[in-house]
Amino acid sequence: MKVIIKNIADLVQVEHKIQEKVSGAAMKNLATIKDAFLCMEDGLITDFGSMDDWAGIDDWNNTEVIDAEGGMVFPTWVDSHSHLVFGGSREGEFVDRINGLTYEEIANRGGGILNSAKKLAEATEDELYESASARLIELIKMGTGALEIKSGYGLSTESELKMLRVIKRLKENFPITIKSTFLGAHALPLAYKDNKEAYLKLIEEEMLPKVAEEDLAEYVDIFCEKGYFSVEDMERVVNAGKKYGLIPKVHVNQFNIIGGVPSAVKLGALSVDHLEIVNQEDIDALKGSATMPTLLPSCSFFLKIPYGPAREMMDQGLPICLATDYNPGSTPSGNMNFVISLACIQMNMNPEEAINAATINGAYAMGISENEGSIAKGKKGNIFITKKIPSYAFLPYNFGHDIIDKVFINGELFDRN
């Protein structure tokens, strides 16, 4: 099927030469074409340009023409950090925080990640798949066209594998790109509360071999944070994952700076995620590296913790990626549109910078820059059409409102109910 979209007010994030990522001052550049058309065929973008340059349609066979009616077209968002598969919500902890308990205090009472691990252990694989599918449909309708999903609520070999198998089923049954991350080192399970060494051995000697045997993950992750796992633990788990071909993407600097960023860069991490607090040593380590700094502003919003210093990092020449951190405890939302609004409102990012961070740089953080993250010939036909809006800056400005009219994945309208 050939799909032609005409009368596009603004075709946003166009590339004539594909970039891996954009950094520093270049993040303020966002190429657009006004009064545009876009062609997609066999799942790929085949042509685009100004309506003045459109030659029309020679062959109407198997061709659908859609009038954008003055709406805008964006590439779908790339969400490079999520925990979409989980066993149940945690609104009780939400109320606990309102009543004054901290994230750490809730965790020490058996809440937090351990609460999610308990709920996940009690759920069947089919139940997890059904609930995750419903969430995924919702995310796609909100404009997300590629998603990374982590394990980490299993904390046992059986439950970690169960999560990863659910992610594999999502990959097989949904048209968007999904990448899977093994996060066995998310927290210490109660059975290993006083024996971290034994749990790390379990990850190395049992979990990782089975993950590799079933080809269940592309990435390996660890929560490098005080009270969870140290820098030395991160190096150990990442190196163990590398033996099975897993690329590191790691949680660092959410609450404390303990040296995780420089170490992750040395380990060749594709991304370092959270970065609510960073120092100059962290920024210097990231300069010139292949590691993408990934900020998660809706986590900061929900937990009322600092927002990552995006402005400072970009002013020193770094790229920035934005992602949701969708999870039941600290970010119960996968809405990338809201993430972009928060980036502009709370982190002083320009709309152009935020859109770049949620598209091209998100694609880099998922290793899919060649095929996704922008409007370019040969890339996947993953786009969304907005309702009629005055400018692309209206998207972050008009936070909380649904301005997306249609979503196309691989050149086909996504209409799953």
Protein backbone atom coordinates (compact mmCIF):
# COMPACT_ATOMS: atom_id res chain seq x y z
CA MET A 1 0.00 0.00 0.00
CA LYS A 2 1.20 3.48 -0.93
CA VAL A 3 0.11 6.27 1.42
CA ILE A 4 0.33 9.94 0.50
CA ILE A 5 -0.35 12.63 3.09
CA LYS A 6 -1.00 16.07 1.61
CA ASN A 7 -1.67 19.58 2.90
CA ILE A 8 0.63 19.21 5.90
CA ALA A 9 1.01 22.58 7.63
CA ASP A 10 4.49 21.68 8.89
CA LEU A 11 6.46 18.49 8.21
CA VAL A 12 8.63 18.38 11.33
CA GLN A 13 12.07 16.84 11.84
CA VAL A 14 13.03 16.26 8.22
CA GLU A 15 16.49 15.02 7.30
CA HIS A 16 18.09 14.90 3.87
CA LYS A 17 21.22 13.38 5.39
CA ILE A 18 20.65 11.01 8.29
CA GLN A 19 22.33 11.96 11.57
CA GLU A 20 23.17 9.58 14.40
CA LYS A 21 22.39 12.20 17.03
CA VAL A 22 22.47 15.95 17.64
CA SER A 23 24.46 17.65 20.40
CA GLY A 24 24.89 20.99 22.12
CA ALA A 25 23.91 24.07 20.13
CA ALA A 26 22.82 21.88 17.18
CA MET A 27 19.88 20.68 19.27
CA LYS A 28 18.25 24.06 18.62
CA ASN A 29 18.03 23.23 14.91
CA LEU A 30 14.83 21.57 13.75
CA ALA A 31 14.29 21.26 10.01
CA THR A 32 10.70 21.61 8.79
CA ILE A 33 8.86 22.00 5.50
CA LYS A 34 5.73 24.13 5.39
CA ASP A 35 2.72 23.20 3.24
CA ALA A 36 4.18 19.76 2.62
CA PHE A 37 3.42 16.26 1.41
CA LEU A 38 4.79 12.89 2.53
CA CYS A 39 4.82 9.53 0.71
CA MET A 40 5.18 6.11 2.33
CA GLU A 41 5.29 2.74 0.62
CA ASP A 42 6.09 -0.79 1.79
CA GLY A 43 6.47 0.53 5.32
CA LEU A 44 9.10 3.17 4.45
CA ILE A 45 9.21 6.89 3.75
CA THR A 46 9.82 7.26 0.02
CA ASP A 47 9.40 10.98 -0.66
CA PHE A 48 8.49 14.30 0.89
CA GLY A 49 8.63 17.98 0.07
CA SER A 50 6.63 21.12 -0.55
CA MET A 51 3.16 20.84 -2.06
CA ASP A 52 4.44 23.18 -4.80
CA ASP A 53 6.87 20.42 -5.79
CA TRP A 54 4.39 17.57 -5.63
CA ALA A 55 4.03 15.95 -9.03
CA GLY A 56 0.65 14.43 -8.23
CA ILE A 57 -0.36 10.78 -8.57
CA ASP A 58 0.42 8.75 -11.69
CA ASP A 59 -0.90 5.43 -10.44
CA TRP A 60 -3.96 5.30 -8.17
CA ASN A 61 -3.74 1.52 -7.79
CA ASN A 62 -3.22 0.52 -4.18
CA THR A 63 -2.78 4.18 -3.21
CA GLU A 64 -4.44 6.00 -0.31
CA VAL A 65 -4.39 9.79 -0.13
CA ILE A 66 -4.92 11.42 3.25
CA ASP A 67 -5.55 15.13 3.65
CA ALA A 68 -3.83 16.41 6.79
CA GLU A 69 -6.15 19.43 6.57
CA GLY A 70 -3.53 21.74 8.00
CA GLY A 71 -2.38 19.40 10.75
CA MET A 72 1.33 18.83 11.31
CA VAL A 73 3.30 15.63 10.81
CA PHE A 74 5.99 14.50 13.25
CA PRO A 75 8.08 11.35 13.41
CA THR A 76 6.77 9.16 16.21
CA TRP A 77 8.46 9.52 19.59
CA VAL A 78 11.24 7.16 20.58
CA ASP A 79 10.99 6.24 24.27
CA SER A 80 14.34 4.72 25.21
CA HIS A 81 13.66 4.00 28.90
CA SER A 82 10.55 2.27 30.26
CA HIS A 83 9.39 -0.45 32.65
CA LEU A 84 6.15 -1.20 30.81
CA VAL A 85 5.71 -4.76 32.11
CA PHE A 86 4.55 -4.83 35.74
CA GLY A 87 2.10 -6.67 37.91
CA GLY A 88 0.03 -3.89 39.42
CA SER A 89 -0.22 -0.24 40.37
CA ARG A 90 1.21 1.35 43.52
CA GLU A 91 -1.12 4.23 44.28
CA GLY A 92 -0.89 3.39 48.00
CA GLU A 93 2.72 4.53 47.96
CA PHE A 94 1.62 7.66 46.11
CA VAL A 95 -0.59 8.46 49.10
CA ASP A 96 2.26 7.60 51.49
CA ARG A 97 4.46 10.20 49.79
CA ILE A 98 1.68 12.78 50.06
CA ASN A 99 1.62 11.98 53.77
CA GLY A 100 5.33 12.68 54.10
CA LEU A 101 7.22 9.42 53.52
CA THR A 102 10.25 9.55 51.21
CA TYR A 103 10.99 7.13 48.37
CA GLU A 104 13.73 5.57 50.51
CA GLU A 105 11.45 5.22 53.57
CA ILE A 106 8.79 3.50 51.47
CA ALA A 107 11.43 1.12 50.08
CA ASN A 108 12.66 0.30 53.58
CA ARG A 109 9.09 -0.70 54.54
CA GLY A 110 8.95 -3.26 51.74
CA GLY A 111 7.49 -0.89 49.19
CA GLY A 112 9.03 0.37 45.98
CA ILE A 113 10.70 -2.15 43.70
CA LEU A 114 10.14 -5.00 46.19
CA ASN A 115 6.41 -4.29 46.18
CA SER A 116 6.38 -4.55 42.39
CA ALA A 117 8.42 -7.75 42.56
CA LYS A 118 5.81 -9.31 44.86
CA LYS A 119 2.95 -8.32 42.56
CA LEU A 120 4.80 -9.59 39.50
CA ALA A 121 5.59 -12.95 41.09
CA GLU A 122 1.87 -13.43 41.74
CA ALA A 123 0.86 -12.65 38.14
CA THR A 124 0.88 -15.16 35.29
CA GLU A 125 2.70 -14.52 32.05
CA ASP A 126 -0.61 -14.18 30.23
CA GLU A 127 -1.89 -11.64 32.76
CA LEU A 128 1.30 -9.61 32.42
CA TYR A 129 1.08 -9.74 28.64
CA GLU A 130 -2.54 -8.57 28.57
CA SER A 131 -1.95 -5.64 30.91
CA ALA A 132 1.25 -4.60 29.12
CA SER A 133 -0.52 -4.84 25.74
CA ALA A 134 -3.24 -2.45 26.89
CA ARG A 135 -0.60 0.03 28.06
CA LEU A 136 1.35 -0.30 24.82
CA ILE A 137 -1.71 0.41 22.68
CA GLU A 138 -2.32 3.54 24.71
CA LEU A 139 1.30 4.69 24.23
CA ILE A 140 1.25 4.17 20.49
CA LYS A 141 -1.96 6.20 20.22
CA MET A 142 -0.10 8.99 22.08
CA GLY A 143 2.59 8.99 19.42
CA THR A 144 5.26 6.54 20.60
CA GLY A 145 6.67 4.47 17.74
CA ALA A 146 9.65 2.77 19.40
CA LEU A 147 10.07 1.63 22.98
CA GLU A 148 12.73 0.11 25.23
CA ILE A 149 11.31 -2.11 28.01
CA LYS A 150 13.25 -3.33 31.04
CA SER A 151 12.85 -6.31 33.31
CA GLY A 152 13.78 -5.71 36.95
CA TYR A 153 10.56 -6.41 38.84
CA GLY A 154 11.29 -10.12 38.91
CA LEU A 155 14.38 -10.29 41.15
CA SER A 156 14.41 -14.08 40.76
CA THR A 157 15.43 -16.18 37.81
CA GLU A 158 11.88 -17.40 37.18
CA SER A 159 10.27 -13.97 37.40
CA GLU A 160 12.95 -12.11 35.44
CA LEU A 161 12.62 -14.62 32.61
CA LYS A 162 8.83 -14.30 32.82
CA MET A 163 9.08 -10.54 32.31
CA LEU A 164 11.50 -10.88 29.42
CA ARG A 165 9.30 -13.48 27.73
CA VAL A 166 6.39 -11.06 27.95
CA ILE A 167 8.53 -8.39 26.28
CA LYS A 168 9.42 -10.89 23.56
CA ARG A 169 5.70 -11.56 22.97
CA LEU A 170 5.07 -7.83 22.68
CA LYS A 171 7.82 -7.64 20.04
CA GLU A 172 6.18 -10.44 18.10
CA ASN A 173 2.66 -9.03 18.23
CA PHE A 174 3.08 -5.28 17.82
CA PRO A 175 4.39 -3.38 14.80
CA ILE A 176 6.61 -0.90 16.64
CA THR A 177 10.30 -1.43 17.41
CA ILE A 178 10.75 -2.80 20.93
CA LYS A 179 14.13 -3.34 22.58
CA SER A 180 14.50 -5.50 25.68
CA THR A 181 16.78 -4.79 28.65
CA PHE A 182 17.76 -7.24 31.39
CA LEU A 183 17.67 -5.37 34.73
CA GLY A 184 18.07 -8.18 37.22
CA ALA A 185 20.18 -5.83 39.37
CA HIS A 186 17.32 -3.44 40.12
CA ALA A 187 17.22 -4.07 43.87
CA LEU A 188 18.17 -6.79 46.32
CA PRO A 189 15.30 -9.26 46.86
CA LEU A 190 14.36 -9.95 50.48
CA ALA A 191 15.93 -13.42 50.37
CA TYR A 192 19.31 -11.79 49.60
CA LYS A 193 18.93 -8.69 51.74
CA ASP A 194 22.08 -9.48 53.72
CA ASN A 195 23.94 -11.35 50.99
CA LYS A 196 24.44 -9.17 47.94
CA GLU A 197 27.37 -11.28 46.78
CA ALA A 198 25.13 -14.34 46.45
CA TYR A 199 22.58 -12.37 44.41
CA LEU A 200 25.23 -11.01 42.07
CA LYS A 201 26.45 -14.57 41.55
CA LEU A 202 22.89 -15.63 40.76
CA ILE A 203 22.73 -12.94 38.09
CA GLU A 204 26.10 -13.93 36.63
CA GLU A 205 25.84 -17.70 36.82
CA GLU A 206 22.13 -18.41 36.34
CA MET A 207 20.10 -15.46 35.07
CA LEU A 208 22.40 -14.15 32.35
CA PRO A 209 23.09 -17.57 30.77
CA LYS A 210 19.35 -18.28 30.57
CA VAL A 211 18.58 -14.81 29.18
CA ALA A 212 21.19 -15.41 26.50
CA GLU A 213 20.02 -18.96 25.79
CA GLU A 214 16.50 -17.72 24.98
CA ASP A 215 17.74 -14.53 23.27
CA LEU A 216 15.58 -12.39 25.54
CA ALA A 217 17.51 -9.11 25.73
CA GLU A 218 19.65 -6.68 23.77
CA TYR A 219 20.81 -4.61 26.75
CA VAL A 220 21.96 -5.03 30.34
CA ASP A 221 21.16 -2.50 33.06
CA ILE A 222 21.76 -1.97 36.79
CA PHE A 223 20.48 0.53 39.36
CA CYS A 224 23.76 2.14 40.42
CA GLU A 225 22.74 4.07 43.52
CA LYS A 226 23.36 4.26 47.27
CA GLY A 227 21.42 1.53 49.05
CA TYR A 228 21.15 -0.51 45.83
CA PHE A 229 24.26 -1.33 43.77
CA SER A 230 27.73 0.23 43.83
CA VAL A 231 29.94 1.32 40.96
CA GLU A 232 31.94 -1.88 41.45
CA ASP A 233 28.72 -3.91 41.24
CA MET A 234 27.82 -2.08 38.02
CA GLU A 235 31.18 -2.89 36.46
CA ARG A 236 30.77 -6.52 37.46
CA VAL A 237 27.23 -6.93 36.09
CA VAL A 238 27.92 -4.97 32.90
CA ASN A 239 31.04 -6.99 32.14
CA ALA A 240 29.15 -10.21 32.81
CA GLY A 241 26.43 -9.06 30.39
CA LYS A 242 28.98 -8.15 27.75
CA LYS A 243 30.15 -11.77 27.65
CA TYR A 244 26.72 -12.59 26.23
CA GLY A 245 26.69 -9.68 23.78
CA LEU A 246 24.48 -7.40 25.89
CA ILE A 247 25.10 -3.67 25.50
CA PRO A 248 25.07 -1.61 28.73
CA LYS A 249 22.39 1.03 29.41
CA VAL A 250 22.50 1.98 33.08
CA HIS A 251 20.60 3.83 35.82
CA VAL A 252 22.90 6.41 37.47
CA ASN A 253 22.73 9.63 39.50
CA GLN A 254 19.04 9.52 40.44
CA PHE A 255 19.58 10.53 44.07
CA ASN A 256 23.34 10.57 44.62
CA ILE A 257 26.61 11.00 42.72
CA ILE A 258 28.79 7.96 43.41
CA GLY A 259 30.97 7.87 40.31
CA GLY A 260 28.61 5.89 38.10
CA VAL A 261 28.76 8.17 35.06
CA PRO A 262 32.55 8.11 34.42
CA SER A 263 32.59 4.37 35.01
CA ALA A 264 29.64 3.77 32.65
CA VAL A 265 31.36 5.79 29.92
CA LYS A 266 34.51 3.69 30.30
CA LEU A 267 32.38 0.56 30.06
CA GLY A 268 30.98 1.78 26.74
CA ALA A 269 27.42 2.32 27.92
CA LEU A 270 25.04 3.29 25.12
CA SER A 271 23.22 5.56 27.57
CA VAL A 272 23.31 6.74 31.17
CA ASP A 273 19.79 7.34 32.43
CA HIS A 274 18.25 9.53 35.14
CA LEU A 275 21.01 12.10 35.83
CA GLU A 276 18.82 14.19 38.12
CA ILE A 277 22.06 15.36 39.65
CA VAL A 278 25.41 15.62 37.87
CA ASN A 279 28.71 17.33 38.55
CA GLN A 280 31.42 18.68 36.29
CA GLU A 281 33.31 15.38 36.43
CA ASP A 282 30.25 13.63 34.99
CA ILE A 283 29.87 16.20 32.21
CA ASP A 284 33.58 16.00 31.37
CA ALA A 285 33.37 12.21 31.20
CA LEU A 286 30.45 12.42 28.75
CA LYS A 287 32.11 14.98 26.47
CA GLY A 288 33.26 13.35 23.27
CA SER A 289 31.96 9.94 24.34
CA ALA A 290 29.52 7.65 22.55
CA THR A 291 27.27 7.56 25.64
CA MET A 292 23.88 9.32 25.46
CA PRO A 293 22.74 11.23 28.59
CA THR A 294 19.05 10.41 29.09
CA LEU A 295 16.82 12.54 31.30
CA LEU A 296 13.48 11.44 32.75
CA PRO A 297 11.57 14.60 33.75
CA SER A 298 8.26 12.94 34.55
CA CYS A 299 10.06 10.93 37.26
CA SER A 300 11.28 14.22 38.75
CA PHE A 301 7.74 15.59 38.51
CA PHE A 302 6.17 12.62 40.26
CA LEU A 303 8.76 12.18 43.02
CA LYS A 304 9.37 15.92 43.48
CA ILE A 305 13.12 15.49 43.07
CA PRO A 306 15.47 17.74 41.05
CA TYR A 307 15.20 17.86 37.28
CA GLY A 308 18.28 16.94 35.27
CA PRO A 309 20.41 20.00 34.35
CA ALA A 310 19.65 19.84 30.63
CA ARG A 311 20.56 23.46 29.92
CA GLU A 312 23.98 23.18 31.56
CA MET A 313 24.72 19.91 29.76
CA MET A 314 23.70 21.20 26.32
CA ASP A 315 25.58 24.46 26.86
CA GLN A 316 28.71 22.35 27.35
CA GLY A 317 28.13 20.57 24.06
CA LEU A 318 26.39 17.38 25.19
CA PRO A 319 23.44 15.69 23.50
CA ILE A 320 20.30 15.09 25.56
CA CYS A 321 17.74 12.32 25.23
CA LEU A 322 14.29 12.38 26.83
CA ALA A 323 12.35 9.28 27.90
CA THR A 324 9.40 8.46 30.16
CA ASP A 325 10.69 5.94 32.74
CA TYR A 326 7.11 4.58 32.66
CA ASN A 327 6.75 2.39 35.77
CA PRO A 328 4.21 1.84 38.58
CA GLY A 329 6.23 3.42 41.37
CA SER A 330 7.98 6.61 40.30
CA THR A 331 6.48 7.44 36.88
CA PRO A 332 3.04 5.94 36.24
CA SER A 333 2.75 7.61 32.83
CA GLY A 334 4.18 6.79 29.43
CA ASN A 335 3.04 10.03 27.80
CA MET A 336 5.98 11.37 25.79
CA ASN A 337 4.03 14.52 24.97
CA PHE A 338 3.95 15.37 28.67
CA VAL A 339 7.67 14.57 28.97
CA ILE A 340 8.38 17.11 26.22
CA SER A 341 6.23 19.70 27.99
CA LEU A 342 8.08 19.13 31.27
CA ALA A 343 11.43 19.45 29.49
CA CYS A 344 10.41 22.87 28.21
CA ILE A 345 8.66 24.09 31.35
CA GLN A 346 10.93 22.70 34.07
CA MET A 347 14.30 22.18 32.34
CA ASN A 348 14.31 25.27 30.13
CA MET A 349 14.69 23.29 26.92
CA ASN A 350 13.46 24.93 23.73
CA PRO A 351 10.73 23.05 21.83
CA GLU A 352 13.28 22.29 19.11
CA GLU A 353 15.68 20.79 21.65
CA ALA A 354 12.98 18.74 23.32
CA ILE A 355 11.70 17.36 20.00
CA ASN A 356 15.25 16.42 18.97
CA ALA A 357 15.76 14.76 22.35
CA ALA A 358 12.59 12.68 21.95
CA THR A 359 13.22 11.61 18.36
CA ILE A 360 16.73 11.53 16.87
CA ASN A 361 18.53 11.23 20.20
CA GLY A 362 16.02 8.71 21.51
CA ALA A 363 16.68 6.61 18.43
CA TYR A 364 20.42 6.80 19.14
CA ALA A 365 19.82 5.62 22.71
CA MET A 366 18.01 2.58 21.29
CA GLY A 367 20.54 1.89 18.55
CA ILE A 368 18.02 2.55 15.76
CA SER A 369 19.14 5.91 14.32
CA GLU A 370 19.51 4.50 10.82
CA ASN A 371 15.85 3.56 10.60
CA GLU A 372 13.86 5.75 12.99
CA GLY A 373 13.75 9.11 14.75
CA SER A 374 13.20 11.50 11.84
CA ILE A 375 11.45 12.06 8.52
CA ALA A 376 14.00 10.79 5.99
CA LYS A 377 13.84 8.75 2.80
CA GLY A 378 14.36 5.07 3.58
CA LYS A 379 13.41 5.37 7.24
CA LYS A 380 10.38 3.63 8.66
CA GLY A 381 7.04 5.24 7.98
CA ASN A 382 6.45 5.93 11.67
CA ILE A 383 4.68 9.27 11.90
CA PHE A 384 1.74 10.99 13.52
CA ILE A 385 -0.59 13.67 12.23
CA THR A 386 -1.75 16.32 14.66
CA LYS A 387 -5.00 18.17 14.79
CA LYS A 388 -4.74 21.68 13.38
CA ILE A 389 -2.33 23.59 15.63
CA PRO A 390 -0.67 27.01 15.18
CA SER A 391 2.96 25.83 15.53
CA TYR A 392 5.02 22.87 16.71
CA ALA A 393 5.71 24.81 19.92
CA PHE A 394 2.00 24.43 20.67
CA LEU A 395 2.60 20.73 21.43
CA PRO A 396 4.63 21.32 24.64
CA TYR A 397 2.74 24.54 25.40
CA ASN A 398 -0.69 22.88 25.37
CA PHE A 399 0.30 20.25 27.94
CA GLY A 400 -2.26 17.69 29.02
CA HIS A 401 -4.30 17.90 25.82
CA ASP A 402 -4.46 15.25 23.13
CA ILE A 403 -3.54 16.89 19.83
CA ILE A 404 -2.70 13.70 17.92
CA ASP A 405 -5.22 12.75 15.25
CA LYS A 406 -3.66 9.71 13.50
CA VAL A 407 -0.63 7.49 14.08
CA PHE A 408 1.07 5.47 11.33
CA ILE A 409 3.48 2.64 12.09
CA ASN A 410 5.44 1.15 9.19
CA GLY A 411 3.34 3.23 6.82
CA GLU A 412 0.02 1.84 8.08
CA LEU A 413 -2.63 3.53 10.19
CA PHE A 414 -2.53 2.18 13.74
CA ASP A 415 -6.14 1.56 14.73
CA ARG A 416 -5.96 -1.33 17.21
CA ASN A 417 -8.73 -0.98 19.80
